[in-house]
Amino acid sequence: MTDGMTRVEKPWGYELWWARTDRYVGKHLHITKGHALSLQYHNQKDETIFVWAGRMLFETGPQGGALTSREMGPGDAVHVTPGTIHRMTAIEDTDLMEVSTPEVDDVVRLEDRYGRS
């Protein structure tokens, strides 16, 4: 941890954890152009995502339902409730802020291009 931040390397870029308490977590995510997070959902974790810079494709949908896609850019935000399937893919290098409840290990991966389970 440096100056209250922790850097976590990811196959799609990195996370900078800038806040972590027993009630919330704040992260800066950098997604490298052409890379994507897993298609995933959370059982308990509730999160809000704010795009700071860049452009990404945000896919979302209910469990067992069809996914919809929308392009997001600077100033766009989305609230992801528990059980919502979602994935972020960077159209260009993208930086976003994520604020969530503290269940950071609550990730159910449905698809992952980097072989993570």
Protein backbone atom coordinates (compact mmCIF):
# COMPACT_ATOMS: atom_id res chain seq x y z
CA MET A 1 0.00 0.00 0.00
CA THR A 2 1.40 3.39 -1.01
CA ASP A 3 -0.21 6.64 0.14
CA GLY A 4 -3.31 4.67 1.08
CA MET A 5 -3.57 3.00 -2.33
CA THR A 6 -3.02 -0.58 -3.42
CA ARG A 7 -2.30 -1.47 -7.06
CA VAL A 8 -3.66 -4.82 -8.25
CA GLU A 9 -2.42 -6.04 -11.64
CA LYS A 10 -5.06 -7.68 -13.86
CA PRO A 11 -4.76 -9.36 -17.28
CA TRP A 12 -6.95 -6.57 -18.72
CA GLY A 13 -5.11 -3.67 -17.01
CA TYR A 14 -5.01 -2.79 -13.32
CA GLU A 15 -6.98 -1.56 -10.31
CA LEU A 16 -5.97 1.12 -7.82
CA TRP A 17 -7.82 0.61 -4.56
CA TRP A 18 -8.10 4.10 -3.08
CA ALA A 19 -10.61 3.36 -0.28
CA ARG A 20 -11.51 0.23 1.66
CA THR A 21 -13.65 0.08 4.79
CA ASP A 22 -16.07 -2.42 6.27
CA ARG A 23 -18.89 -0.52 4.48
CA TYR A 24 -17.53 0.40 1.01
CA VAL A 25 -14.64 0.06 -1.45
CA GLY A 26 -13.43 2.66 -3.97
CA LYS A 27 -11.35 1.63 -6.98
CA HIS A 28 -9.88 3.20 -10.10
CA LEU A 29 -9.89 0.62 -12.93
CA HIS A 30 -7.74 0.99 -16.04
CA ILE A 31 -8.87 -1.28 -18.90
CA THR A 32 -6.42 -1.50 -21.81
CA LYS A 33 -7.87 -1.04 -25.31
CA GLY A 34 -9.28 -4.31 -26.68
CA HIS A 35 -9.34 -6.05 -23.30
CA ALA A 36 -12.38 -7.08 -21.24
CA LEU A 37 -13.33 -8.02 -17.72
CA SER A 38 -15.12 -11.34 -17.22
CA LEU A 39 -18.77 -11.82 -18.03
CA GLN A 40 -19.82 -11.98 -14.38
CA TYR A 41 -22.31 -11.31 -11.66
CA HIS A 42 -22.20 -10.82 -7.89
CA ASN A 43 -24.40 -12.48 -5.28
CA GLN A 44 -24.08 -9.64 -2.73
CA LYS A 45 -21.81 -6.93 -4.11
CA ASP A 46 -23.59 -3.77 -5.24
CA GLU A 47 -21.53 -1.37 -7.36
CA THR A 48 -21.71 1.90 -9.24
CA ILE A 49 -19.34 2.57 -12.14
CA PHE A 50 -18.40 6.03 -13.46
CA VAL A 51 -16.39 6.40 -16.67
CA TRP A 52 -13.64 8.97 -16.19
CA ALA A 53 -11.85 8.72 -19.56
CA GLY A 54 -11.98 6.56 -22.69
CA ARG A 55 -14.78 4.53 -24.20
CA MET A 56 -16.05 1.07 -23.38
CA LEU A 57 -18.80 -1.34 -24.31
CA PHE A 58 -20.96 -2.22 -21.30
CA GLU A 59 -22.99 -5.43 -21.58
CA THR A 60 -25.67 -6.19 -19.01
CA GLY A 61 -28.69 -8.38 -18.46
CA PRO A 62 -30.62 -10.52 -16.03
CA GLN A 63 -29.56 -14.07 -15.20
CA GLY A 64 -31.04 -16.36 -17.84
CA GLY A 65 -31.92 -13.41 -20.09
CA ALA A 66 -30.47 -11.68 -23.12
CA LEU A 67 -27.62 -9.20 -22.78
CA THR A 68 -27.92 -5.65 -24.04
CA SER A 69 -24.91 -3.51 -25.00
CA ARG A 70 -24.27 0.19 -24.83
CA GLU A 71 -21.24 2.34 -25.41
CA MET A 72 -20.17 4.42 -22.42
CA GLY A 73 -17.80 7.37 -22.31
CA PRO A 74 -16.64 10.11 -19.94
CA GLY A 75 -19.35 11.16 -17.50
CA ASP A 76 -21.51 8.06 -18.00
CA ALA A 77 -22.43 6.02 -14.94
CA VAL A 78 -24.24 2.75 -14.27
CA HIS A 79 -25.49 1.03 -11.10
CA VAL A 80 -25.01 -2.76 -11.04
CA THR A 81 -27.19 -4.55 -8.50
CA PRO A 82 -26.50 -8.06 -7.16
CA GLY A 83 -27.41 -10.81 -9.63
CA THR A 84 -27.01 -8.59 -12.72
CA ILE A 85 -24.79 -10.13 -15.39
CA HIS A 86 -22.29 -7.63 -16.78
CA ARG A 87 -19.03 -7.18 -18.70
CA MET A 88 -16.90 -4.17 -19.67
CA THR A 89 -14.78 -4.14 -22.84
CA ALA A 90 -12.46 -1.22 -23.62
CA ILE A 91 -12.94 0.31 -27.08
CA GLU A 92 -9.96 2.54 -26.25
CA ASP A 93 -7.88 2.75 -23.07
CA THR A 94 -10.53 3.41 -20.42
CA ASP A 95 -10.33 4.68 -16.86
CA LEU A 96 -13.28 4.36 -14.53
CA MET A 97 -14.18 4.71 -10.90
CA GLU A 98 -16.01 1.94 -9.09
CA VAL A 99 -17.61 2.33 -5.68
CA SER A 100 -19.07 -0.82 -4.17
CA THR A 101 -20.08 -2.65 -1.08
CA PRO A 102 -17.10 -4.44 0.51
CA GLU A 103 -17.62 -7.99 -0.88
CA VAL A 104 -14.58 -7.79 -3.19
CA ASP A 105 -14.28 -11.57 -3.65
CA ASP A 106 -17.94 -11.98 -4.66
CA VAL A 107 -17.37 -12.64 -8.38
CA VAL A 108 -19.11 -15.42 -10.30
CA ARG A 109 -17.39 -15.67 -13.69
CA LEU A 110 -19.48 -17.01 -16.58
CA GLU A 111 -16.90 -16.36 -19.32
CA ASP A 112 -13.29 -15.19 -19.11
CA ARG A 113 -10.88 -14.73 -22.01
CA TYR A 114 -7.89 -15.07 -19.65
CA GLY A 115 -8.76 -18.55 -18.32
CA ARG A 116 -9.73 -17.47 -14.80
CA SER A 117 -12.44 -19.51 -13.07
